[in-house]
PDB file of N, CA and C in Angstrom:
ATOM      1  N   GLY A   1       0.796  -1.170   0.000  1.00  0.00           N
ATOM      2  CA  GLY A   1       0.000   0.000   0.000  1.00  0.00           C
ATOM      3  C   GLY A   1       0.858   1.261   0.000  1.00  0.00           C
ATOM      4  N   ARG A   2       0.484   2.122   0.891  1.00  0.00           N
ATOM      5  CA  ARG A   2       1.117   3.447   0.950  1.00  0.00           C
ATOM      6  C   ARG A   2       2.605   3.362   1.313  1.00  0.00           C
ATOM      7  N   PHE A   3       2.929   2.476   2.270  1.00  0.00           N
ATOM      8  CA  PHE A   3       4.321   2.320   2.682  1.00  0.00           C
ATOM      9  C   PHE A   3       5.185   1.852   1.510  1.00  0.00           C
ATOM     10  N   ALA A   4       4.683   0.867   0.763  1.00  0.00           N
ATOM     11  CA  ALA A   4       5.434   0.350  -0.384  1.00  0.00           C
ATOM     12  C   ALA A   4       5.653   1.438  -1.430  1.00  0.00           C
ATOM     13  N   THR A   5       4.649   2.275  -1.638  1.00  0.00           N
ATOM     14  CA  THR A   5       4.772   3.375  -2.594  1.00  0.00           C
ATOM     15  C   THR A   5       5.842   4.359  -2.143  1.00  0.00           C
ATOM     16  N   GLN A   6       5.868   4.667  -0.841  1.00  0.00           N
ATOM     17  CA  GLN A   6       6.877   5.583  -0.314  1.00  0.00           C
ATOM     18  C   GLN A   6       8.275   4.994  -0.437  1.00  0.00           C
ATOM     19  N   VAL A   7       8.412   3.720  -0.138  1.00  0.00           N
ATOM     20  CA  VAL A   7       9.714   3.061  -0.251  1.00  0.00           C
ATOM     21  C   VAL A   7      10.184   3.086  -1.705  1.00  0.00           C
ATOM     22  N   ALA A   8       9.280   2.800  -2.625  1.00  0.00           N
ATOM     23  CA  ALA A   8       9.640   2.823  -4.046  1.00  0.00           C
ATOM     24  C   ALA A   8      10.073   4.224  -4.469  1.00  0.00           C
ATOM     25  N   GLY A   9       9.367   5.244  -4.007  1.00  0.00           N
ATOM     26  CA  GLY A   9       9.724   6.626  -4.336  1.00  0.00           C
ATOM     27  C   GLY A   9      11.088   7.004  -3.796  1.00  0.00           C
ATOM     28  N   HIS A  10      11.354   6.647  -2.545  1.00  0.00           N
ATOM     29  CA  HIS A  10      12.655   6.956  -1.946  1.00  0.00           C
ATOM     30  C   HIS A  10      13.777   6.204  -2.666  1.00  0.00           C
ATOM     31  N   SER A  11      13.519   4.953  -3.029  1.00  0.00           N
ATOM     32  CA  SER A  11      14.522   4.167  -3.751  1.00  0.00           C
ATOM     33  C   SER A  11      14.813   4.780  -5.112  1.00  0.00           C
ATOM     34  N   ARG A  12      13.762   5.167  -5.831  1.00  0.00           N
ATOM     35  CA  ARG A  12      13.919   5.783  -7.150  1.00  0.00           C
ATOM     36  C   ARG A  12      14.737   7.071  -7.043  1.00  0.00           C
ATOM     37  N   ASN A  13      14.431   7.901  -6.038  1.00  0.00           N
ATOM     38  CA  ASN A  13      15.165   9.154  -5.853  1.00  0.00           C
ATOM     39  C   ASN A  13      16.627   8.892  -5.519  1.00  0.00           C
ATOM     40  N   ALA A  14      16.884   7.892  -4.673  1.00  0.00           N
ATOM     41  CA  ALA A  14      18.266   7.572  -4.297  1.00  0.00           C
ATOM     42  C   ALA A  14      19.066   7.095  -5.506  1.00  0.00           C
ATOM     43  N   ILE A  15      18.453   6.275  -6.340  1.00  0.00           N
ATOM     44  CA  ILE A  15      19.137   5.790  -7.540  1.00  0.00           C
ATOM     45  C   ILE A  15      19.418   6.948  -8.490  1.00  0.00           C
ATOM     46  N   ARG A  16      18.444   7.826  -8.684  1.00  0.00           N
ATOM     47  CA  ARG A  16      18.623   8.975  -9.578  1.00  0.00           C
ATOM     48  C   ARG A  16      19.735   9.888  -9.059  1.00  0.00           C
ATOM     49  N   GLN A  17      19.748  10.150  -7.748  1.00  0.00           N
ATOM     50  CA  GLN A  17      20.778  11.017  -7.173  1.00  0.00           C
ATOM     51  C   GLN A  17      22.159  10.392  -7.318  1.00  0.00           C
ATOM     52  N   THR A  18      22.257   9.094  -7.120  1.00  0.00           N
ATOM     53  CA  THR A  18      23.539   8.409  -7.274  1.00  0.00           C
ATOM     54  C   THR A  18      24.028   8.510  -8.719  1.00  0.00           C
ATOM     55  N   ALA A  19      23.129   8.327  -9.669  1.00  0.00           N
ATOM     56  CA  ALA A  19      23.500   8.446 -11.084  1.00  0.00           C
ATOM     57  C   ALA A  19      23.927   9.871 -11.420  1.00  0.00           C
ATOM     58  N   GLN A  20      23.208  10.865 -10.891  1.00  0.00           N
ATOM     59  CA  GLN A  20      23.566  12.263 -11.147  1.00  0.00           C
ATOM     60  C   GLN A  20      24.943  12.580 -10.588  1.00  0.00           C
ATOM     61  N   ARG A  21      25.216  12.114  -9.387  1.00  0.00           N
ATOM     62  CA  ARG A  21      26.520  12.383  -8.767  1.00  0.00           C
ATOM     63  C   ARG A  21      27.642  11.684  -9.526  1.00  0.00           C
ATOM     64  N   SER A  22      27.381  10.474  -9.989  1.00  0.00           N
ATOM     65  CA  SER A  22      28.376   9.744 -10.774  1.00  0.00           C
ATOM     66  C   SER A  22      28.669  10.472 -12.086  1.00  0.00           C
ATOM     67  N   GLN A  23      27.630  10.941 -12.740  1.00  0.00           N
ATOM     68  CA  GLN A  23      27.805  11.688 -13.986  1.00  0.00           C
ATOM     69  C   GLN A  23      28.587  12.973 -13.727  1.00  0.00           C
ATOM     70  N   PHE A  24      28.246  13.674 -12.659  1.00  0.00           N
ATOM     71  CA  PHE A  24      28.934  14.913 -12.312  1.00  0.00           C
ATOM     72  C   PHE A  24      30.414  14.636 -12.056  1.00  0.00           C
ATOM     73  N   ARG A  25      30.717  13.561 -11.333  1.00  0.00           N
ATOM     74  CA  ARG A  25      32.106  13.187 -11.048  1.00  0.00           C
ATOM     75  C   ARG A  25      32.839  12.870 -12.352  1.00  0.00           C
ATOM     76  N   HIS A  26      32.180  12.196 -13.266  1.00  0.00           N
ATOM     77  CA  HIS A  26      32.785  11.895 -14.570  1.00  0.00           C
ATOM     78  C   HIS A  26      33.142  13.190 -15.298  1.00  0.00           C
ATOM     79  N   PHE A  27      32.243  14.159 -15.271  1.00  0.00           N
ATOM     80  CA  PHE A  27      32.506  15.448 -15.921  1.00  0.00           C
ATOM     81  C   PHE A  27      33.705  16.151 -15.283  1.00  0.00           C
ATOM     82  N   THR A  28      33.766  16.171 -13.952  1.00  0.00           N
ATOM     83  CA  THR A  28      34.880  16.864 -13.297  1.00  0.00           C
ATOM     84  C   THR A  28      36.195  16.129 -13.552  1.00  0.00           C
ATOM     85  N   ASP A  29      36.160  14.800 -13.546  1.00  0.00           N
ATOM     86  CA  ASP A  29      37.367  14.029 -13.840  1.00  0.00           C
ATOM     87  C   ASP A  29      37.854  14.269 -15.267  1.00  0.00           C
ATOM     88  N   ALA A  30      36.926  14.591 -16.173  1.00  0.00           N
ATOM     89  CA  ALA A  30      37.282  14.867 -17.571  1.00  0.00           C
ATOM     90  C   ALA A  30      37.793  16.295 -17.759  1.00  0.00           C
ATOM     91  N   GLY A  31      37.798  17.073 -16.678  1.00  0.00           N
ATOM     92  CA  GLY A  31      38.371  18.412 -16.750  1.00  0.00           C
ATOM     93  C   GLY A  31      37.393  19.559 -16.887  1.00  0.00           C
ATOM     94  N   PHE A  32      36.104  19.270 -16.900  1.00  0.00           N
ATOM     95  CA  PHE A  32      35.129  20.358 -16.960  1.00  0.00           C
ATOM     96  C   PHE A  32      35.103  21.074 -15.618  1.00  0.00           C
ATOM     97  N   ALA A  33      35.042  22.401 -15.652  1.00  0.00           N
ATOM     98  CA  ALA A  33      35.158  23.181 -14.417  1.00  0.00           C
ATOM     99  C   ALA A  33      33.876  23.904 -14.019  1.00  0.00           C
ATOM    100  N   THR A  34      33.049  24.277 -14.981  1.00  0.00           N
ATOM    101  CA  THR A  34      31.815  24.999 -14.654  1.00  0.00           C
ATOM    102  C   THR A  34      30.620  24.252 -15.234  1.00  0.00           C
ATOM    103  N   PHE A  35      29.520  24.314 -14.490  1.00  0.00           N
ATOM    104  CA  PHE A  35      28.349  23.513 -14.822  1.00  0.00           C
ATOM    105  C   PHE A  35      27.088  24.359 -14.792  1.00  0.00           C
ATOM    106  N   SER A  36      26.210  24.075 -15.732  1.00  0.00           N
ATOM    107  CA  SER A  36      24.955  24.798 -15.867  1.00  0.00           C
ATOM    108  C   SER A  36      23.802  23.911 -15.404  1.00  0.00           C
ATOM    109  N   TRP A  37      22.885  24.500 -14.651  1.00  0.00           N
ATOM    110  CA  TRP A  37      21.679  23.801 -14.213  1.00  0.00           C
ATOM    111  C   TRP A  37      20.771  23.653 -15.423  1.00  0.00           C
ATOM    112  N   VAL A  38      20.344  22.438 -15.721  1.00  0.00           N
ATOM    113  CA  VAL A  38      19.413  22.190 -16.817  1.00  0.00           C
ATOM    114  C   VAL A  38      18.121  21.650 -16.214  1.00  0.00           C
ATOM    115  N   ALA A  39      17.071  22.462 -16.270  1.00  0.00           N
ATOM    116  CA  ALA A  39      15.764  22.071 -15.734  1.00  0.00           C
ATOM    117  C   ALA A  39      15.049  21.169 -16.732  1.00  0.00           C
ATOM    118  N   VAL A  40      14.214  20.288 -16.210  1.00  0.00           N
ATOM    119  CA  VAL A  40      13.432  19.390 -17.058  1.00  0.00           C
ATOM    120  C   VAL A  40      11.938  19.624 -16.855  1.00  0.00           C
ATOM    121  N   ASN A  41      11.152  18.987 -17.671  1.00  0.00           N
ATOM    122  CA  ASN A  41       9.684  19.058 -17.661  1.00  0.00           C
ATOM    123  C   ASN A  41       9.148  20.354 -18.233  1.00  0.00           C
ATOM    124  N   GLY A  42       9.940  20.994 -19.078  1.00  0.00           N
ATOM    125  CA  GLY A  42       9.476  22.175 -19.800  1.00  0.00           C
ATOM    126  C   GLY A  42       8.860  23.219 -18.896  1.00  0.00           C
ATOM    127  N   ILE A  43       7.708  23.727 -19.298  1.00  0.00           N
ATOM    128  CA  ILE A  43       7.064  24.788 -18.520  1.00  0.00           C
ATOM    129  C   ILE A  43       6.507  24.269 -17.203  1.00  0.00           C
ATOM    130  N   ASP A  44       6.468  22.939 -17.030  1.00  0.00           N
ATOM    131  CA  ASP A  44       5.970  22.359 -15.787  1.00  0.00           C
ATOM    132  C   ASP A  44       7.073  22.107 -14.765  1.00  0.00           C
ATOM    133  N   ALA A  45       8.288  22.558 -15.047  1.00  0.00           N
ATOM    134  CA  ALA A  45       9.373  22.420 -14.067  1.00  0.00           C
ATOM    135  C   ALA A  45       8.963  23.160 -12.801  1.00  0.00           C
ATOM    136  N   CYS A  46       9.394  22.680 -11.654  1.00  0.00           N
ATOM    137  CA  CYS A  46       9.035  23.384 -10.419  1.00  0.00           C
ATOM    138  C   CYS A  46       9.579  24.817 -10.515  1.00  0.00           C
ATOM    139  N   PRO A  47       8.936  25.767  -9.861  1.00  0.00           N
ATOM    140  CA  PRO A  47       9.354  27.170  -9.988  1.00  0.00           C
ATOM    141  C   PRO A  47      10.826  27.403  -9.634  1.00  0.00           C
ATOM    142  N   ASP A  48      11.310  26.720  -8.610  1.00  0.00           N
ATOM    143  CA  ASP A  48      12.715  26.886  -8.218  1.00  0.00           C
ATOM    144  C   ASP A  48      13.650  26.409  -9.328  1.00  0.00           C
ATOM    145  N   CYS A  49      13.326  25.255  -9.905  1.00  0.00           N
ATOM    146  CA  CYS A  49      14.178  24.700 -10.961  1.00  0.00           C
ATOM    147  C   CYS A  49      14.103  25.548 -12.222  1.00  0.00           C
ATOM    148  N   GLY A  50      12.920  26.023 -12.554  1.00  0.00           N
ATOM    149  CA  GLY A  50      12.779  26.898 -13.712  1.00  0.00           C
ATOM    150  C   GLY A  50      13.624  28.147 -13.562  1.00  0.00           C
ATOM    151  N   ASP A  51      13.655  28.702 -12.344  1.00  0.00           N
ATOM    152  CA  ASP A  51      14.467  29.893 -12.081  1.00  0.00           C
ATOM    153  C   ASP A  51      15.961  29.588 -12.147  1.00  0.00           C
ATOM    154  N   ARG A  52      16.350  28.378 -11.766  1.00  0.00           N
ATOM    155  CA  ARG A  52      17.774  28.017 -11.760  1.00  0.00           C
ATOM    156  C   ARG A  52      18.281  27.577 -13.132  1.00  0.00           C
ATOM    157  N   HIS A  53      17.375  27.302 -14.058  1.00  0.00           N
ATOM    158  CA  HIS A  53      17.793  26.845 -15.387  1.00  0.00           C
ATOM    159  C   HIS A  53      18.786  27.845 -15.977  1.00  0.00           C
ATOM    160  N   GLY A  54      19.951  27.329 -16.361  1.00  0.00           N
ATOM    161  CA  GLY A  54      20.991  28.173 -16.946  1.00  0.00           C
ATOM    162  C   GLY A  54      21.952  28.774 -15.936  1.00  0.00           C
ATOM    163  N   GLU A  55      21.672  28.619 -14.646  1.00  0.00           N
ATOM    164  CA  GLU A  55      22.581  29.141 -13.613  1.00  0.00           C
ATOM    165  C   GLU A  55      23.892  28.355 -13.672  1.00  0.00           C
ATOM    166  N   VAL A  56      25.011  29.050 -13.568  1.00  0.00           N
ATOM    167  CA  VAL A  56      26.327  28.419 -13.730  1.00  0.00           C
ATOM    168  C   VAL A  56      27.168  28.628 -12.475  1.00  0.00           C
ATOM    169  N   HIS A  57      27.798  27.531 -12.030  1.00  0.00           N
ATOM    170  CA  HIS A  57      28.746  27.566 -10.909  1.00  0.00           C
ATOM    171  C   HIS A  57      29.820  26.518 -11.158  1.00  0.00           C
ATOM    172  N   ASP A  58      30.890  26.613 -10.388  1.00  0.00           N
ATOM    173  CA  ASP A  58      31.895  25.562 -10.428  1.00  0.00           C
ATOM    174  C   ASP A  58      31.461  24.452  -9.468  1.00  0.00           C
ATOM    175  N   GLU A  59      32.285  23.410  -9.362  1.00  0.00           N
ATOM    176  CA  GLU A  59      31.931  22.261  -8.523  1.00  0.00           C
ATOM    177  C   GLU A  59      31.644  22.684  -7.084  1.00  0.00           C
ATOM    178  N   GLN A  60      32.494  23.535  -6.539  1.00  0.00           N
ATOM    179  CA  GLN A  60      32.312  23.974  -5.157  1.00  0.00           C
ATOM    180  C   GLN A  60      31.022  24.778  -4.999  1.00  0.00           C
ATOM    181  N   GLY A  61      30.695  25.580  -5.998  1.00  0.00           N
ATOM    182  CA  GLY A  61      29.477  26.381  -5.935  1.00  0.00           C
ATOM    183  C   GLY A  61      28.212  25.549  -5.930  1.00  0.00           C
ATOM    184  N   TRP A  62      28.256  24.368  -6.544  1.00  0.00           N
ATOM    185  CA  TRP A  62      27.080  23.496  -6.572  1.00  0.00           C
ATOM    186  C   TRP A  62      27.046  22.528  -5.400  1.00  0.00           C
ATOM    187  N   TRP A  63      28.159  22.400  -4.669  1.00  0.00           N
ATOM    188  CA  TRP A  63      28.231  21.409  -3.600  1.00  0.00           C
ATOM    189  C   TRP A  63      27.113  21.628  -2.583  1.00  0.00           C
ATOM    190  N   GLY A  64      26.255  20.646  -2.417  1.00  0.00           N
ATOM    191  CA  GLY A  64      25.154  20.716  -1.456  1.00  0.00           C
ATOM    192  C   GLY A  64      23.978  21.547  -1.919  1.00  0.00           C
ATOM    193  N   ASP A  65      24.044  22.102  -3.134  1.00  0.00           N
ATOM    194  CA  ASP A  65      22.961  22.952  -3.628  1.00  0.00           C
ATOM    195  C   ASP A  65      22.563  22.574  -5.054  1.00  0.00           C
ATOM    196  N   GLY A  66      22.894  21.363  -5.458  1.00  0.00           N
ATOM    197  CA  GLY A  66      22.571  20.915  -6.808  1.00  0.00           C
ATOM    198  C   GLY A  66      21.223  20.218  -6.872  1.00  0.00           C
ATOM    199  N   PRO A  67      20.869  19.706  -8.036  1.00  0.00           N
ATOM    200  CA  PRO A  67      19.598  19.002  -8.191  1.00  0.00           C
ATOM    201  C   PRO A  67      19.468  17.840  -7.208  1.00  0.00           C
ATOM    202  N   GLY A  68      18.344  17.764  -6.537  1.00  0.00           N
ATOM    203  CA  GLY A  68      18.086  16.678  -5.601  1.00  0.00           C
ATOM    204  C   GLY A  68      18.682  16.867  -4.227  1.00  0.00           C
ATOM    205  N   ASP A  69      19.382  17.974  -3.992  1.00  0.00           N
ATOM    206  CA  ASP A  69      19.991  18.209  -2.680  1.00  0.00           C
ATOM    207  C   ASP A  69      19.014  18.814  -1.679  1.00  0.00           C
ATOM    208  N   GLY A  70      17.785  19.078  -2.102  1.00  0.00           N
ATOM    209  CA  GLY A  70      16.761  19.567  -1.183  1.00  0.00           C
ATOM    210  C   GLY A  70      16.558  21.063  -1.168  1.00  0.00           C
ATOM    211  N   GLY A  71      17.275  21.801  -1.998  1.00  0.00           N
ATOM    212  CA  GLY A  71      17.151  23.255  -1.999  1.00  0.00           C
ATOM    213  C   GLY A  71      16.066  23.788  -2.915  1.00  0.00           C
ATOM    214  N   THR A  72      15.297  22.887  -3.514  1.00  0.00           N
ATOM    215  CA  THR A  72      14.229  23.303  -4.425  1.00  0.00           C
ATOM    216  C   THR A  72      12.893  22.770  -3.932  1.00  0.00           C
ATOM    217  N   LEU A  73      11.829  23.298  -4.483  1.00  0.00           N
ATOM    218  CA  LEU A  73      10.484  22.877  -4.111  1.00  0.00           C
ATOM    219  C   LEU A  73      10.285  21.376  -4.325  1.00  0.00           C
ATOM    220  N   CYS A  74      10.876  20.839  -5.376  1.00  0.00           N
ATOM    221  CA  CYS A  74      10.707  19.413  -5.663  1.00  0.00           C
ATOM    222  C   CYS A  74      11.618  18.536  -4.799  1.00  0.00           C
ATOM    223  N   GLY A  75      12.565  19.132  -4.101  1.00  0.00           N
ATOM    224  CA  GLY A  75      13.409  18.420  -3.143  1.00  0.00           C
ATOM    225  C   GLY A  75      14.177  17.258  -3.745  1.00  0.00           C
ATOM    226  N   ALA A  76      14.156  16.126  -3.036  1.00  0.00           N
ATOM    227  CA  ALA A  76      14.911  14.950  -3.463  1.00  0.00           C
ATOM    228  C   ALA A  76      14.370  14.346  -4.753  1.00  0.00           C
ATOM    229  N   ALA A  77      13.153  14.711  -5.143  1.00  0.00           N
ATOM    230  CA  ALA A  77      12.553  14.180  -6.372  1.00  0.00           C
ATOM    231  C   ALA A  77      12.998  14.945  -7.614  1.00  0.00           C
ATOM    232  N   CYS A  78      13.893  15.908  -7.455  1.00  0.00           N
ATOM    233  CA  CYS A  78      14.348  16.741  -8.576  1.00  0.00           C
ATOM    234  C   CYS A  78      14.970  15.875  -9.673  1.00  0.00           C
ATOM    235  N   MET A  79      14.560  16.135 -10.903  1.00  0.00           N
ATOM    236  CA  MET A  79      15.069  15.388 -12.051  1.00  0.00           C
ATOM    237  C   MET A  79      16.012  16.221 -12.913  1.00  0.00           C
ATOM    238  N   CYS A  80      16.325  17.430 -12.470  1.00  0.00           N
ATOM    239  CA  CYS A  80      17.209  18.310 -13.233  1.00  0.00           C
ATOM    240  C   CYS A  80      18.636  17.776 -13.208  1.00  0.00           C
ATOM    241  N   GLY A  81      19.491  18.382 -13.986  1.00  0.00           N
ATOM    242  CA  GLY A  81      20.870  17.941 -14.037  1.00  0.00           C
ATOM    243  C   GLY A  81      21.836  19.098 -14.127  1.00  0.00           C
ATOM    244  N   LEU A  82      23.090  18.791 -13.873  1.00  0.00           N
ATOM    245  CA  LEU A  82      24.178  19.746 -14.055  1.00  0.00           C
ATOM    246  C   LEU A  82      24.985  19.280 -15.252  1.00  0.00           C
ATOM    247  N   VAL A  83      25.123  20.154 -16.227  1.00  0.00           N
ATOM    248  CA  VAL A  83      25.776  19.824 -17.489  1.00  0.00           C
ATOM    249  C   VAL A  83      26.932  20.799 -17.687  1.00  0.00           C
ATOM    250  N   PRO A  84      28.065  20.326 -18.229  1.00  0.00           N
ATOM    251  CA  PRO A  84      29.171  21.253 -18.470  1.00  0.00           C
ATOM    252  C   PRO A  84      28.690  22.487 -19.238  1.00  0.00           C
ATOM    253  N   GLU A  85      29.104  23.648 -18.752  1.00  0.00           N
ATOM    254  CA  GLU A  85      28.680  24.914 -19.351  1.00  0.00           C
ATOM    255  C   GLU A  85      29.001  24.959 -20.843  1.00  0.00           C
ATOM    256  N   SER A  86      30.146  24.429 -21.231  1.00  0.00           N
ATOM    257  CA  SER A  86      30.535  24.466 -22.643  1.00  0.00           C
ATOM    258  C   SER A  86      29.574  23.662 -23.511  1.00  0.00           C
ATOM    259  N   TYR A  87      29.027  22.578 -22.980  1.00  0.00           N
ATOM    260  CA  TYR A  87      28.058  21.783 -23.736  1.00  0.00           C
ATOM    261  C   TYR A  87      26.757  22.555 -23.919  1.00  0.00           C
ATOM    262  N   VAL A  88      26.314  23.212 -22.874  1.00  0.00           N
ATOM    263  CA  VAL A  88      25.079  23.997 -22.947  1.00  0.00           C
ATOM    264  C   VAL A  88      25.244  25.127 -23.951  1.00  0.00           C
ATOM    265  N   ALA A  89      26.396  25.792 -23.928  1.00  0.00           N
ATOM    266  CA  ALA A  89      26.646  26.908 -24.843  1.00  0.00           C
ATOM    267  C   ALA A  89      26.614  26.455 -26.302  1.00  0.00           C
ATOM    268  N   ALA A  90      26.993  25.213 -26.552  1.00  0.00           N
ATOM    269  CA  ALA A  90      27.042  24.697 -27.916  1.00  0.00           C
ATOM    270  C   ALA A  90      25.711  24.100 -28.384  1.00  0.00           C
ATOM    271  N   ASN A  91      24.737  23.996 -27.492  1.00  0.00           N
ATOM    272  CA  ASN A  91      23.455  23.372 -27.822  1.00  0.00           C
ATOM    273  C   ASN A  91      22.308  24.308 -27.498  1.00  0.00           C
ATOM    274  N   GLN A  92      21.846  25.033 -28.489  1.00  0.00           N
ATOM    275  CA  GLN A  92      20.788  26.016 -28.270  1.00  0.00           C
ATOM    276  C   GLN A  92      19.504  25.386 -27.754  1.00  0.00           C
ATOM    277  N   SER A  93      19.329  24.094 -27.949  1.00  0.00           N
ATOM    278  CA  SER A  93      18.119  23.437 -27.465  1.00  0.00           C
ATOM    279  C   SER A  93      18.038  23.449 -25.942  1.00  0.00           C
ATOM    280  N   LEU A  94      19.140  23.775 -25.278  1.00  0.00           N
ATOM    281  CA  LEU A  94      19.151  23.807 -23.815  1.00  0.00           C
ATOM    282  C   LEU A  94      18.902  25.206 -23.262  1.00  0.00           C
ATOM    283  N   GLU A  95      18.500  26.133 -24.119  1.00  0.00           N
ATOM    284  CA  GLU A  95      18.254  27.493 -23.650  1.00  0.00           C
ATOM    285  C   GLU A  95      17.003  27.594 -22.789  1.00  0.00           C
ATOM    286  N   SER A  96      16.084  26.654 -22.917  1.00  0.00           N
ATOM    287  CA  SER A  96      14.888  26.637 -22.077  1.00  0.00           C
ATOM    288  C   SER A  96      14.764  25.242 -21.474  1.00  0.00           C
ATOM    289  N   PRO A  97      13.989  25.097 -20.394  1.00  0.00           N
ATOM    290  CA  PRO A  97      13.876  23.786 -19.749  1.00  0.00           C
ATOM    291  C   PRO A  97      13.473  22.686 -20.729  1.00  0.00           C
ATOM    292  N   LEU A  98      14.077  21.526 -20.540  1.00  0.00           N
ATOM    293  CA  LEU A  98      13.802  20.373 -21.390  1.00  0.00           C
ATOM    294  C   LEU A  98      12.490  19.720 -21.002  1.00  0.00           C
ATOM    295  N   PHE A  99      11.886  19.017 -21.949  1.00  0.00           N
ATOM    296  CA  PHE A  99      10.732  18.187 -21.628  1.00  0.00           C
ATOM    297  C   PHE A  99      11.200  16.752 -21.646  1.00  0.00           C
ATOM    298  N   VAL A 100      10.982  16.051 -20.543  1.00  0.00           N
ATOM    299  CA  VAL A 100      11.388  14.663 -20.435  1.00  0.00           C
ATOM    300  C   VAL A 100      10.144  13.828 -20.204  1.00  0.00           C
ATOM    301  N   GLY A 101       9.814  12.980 -21.132  1.00  0.00           N
ATOM    302  CA  GLY A 101       8.651  12.100 -20.966  1.00  0.00           C
ATOM    303  C   GLY A 101       9.007  10.918 -20.097  1.00  0.00           C
ATOM    304  N   ILE A 102       8.127  10.605 -19.173  1.00  0.00           N
ATOM    305  CA  ILE A 102       8.389   9.478 -18.267  1.00  0.00           C
ATOM    306  C   ILE A 102       7.300   8.446 -18.425  1.00  0.00           C
TER     307      ILE A 102
END
């Protein structure tokens, strides 16, 4: 019932956060220094994430304040990502929040 649904939600969020952190570590190990917040769900992104879309910081600037760290309305359920700034600059499709079908 309800407990199983909550456990599944927490597990899904933990897996997503682990994948995001692994991807971020891969980017930093590859030498990328600055990262842009990329919001998802288009115009339906949570207001905090929509406002952060395109915000750029280095690794230290995002530490503890990145997607899924709890600093947004969507909290641990955040599906946004941090992408190397140079990649975002080269891809105009990232100028507005992405739509991700689930």
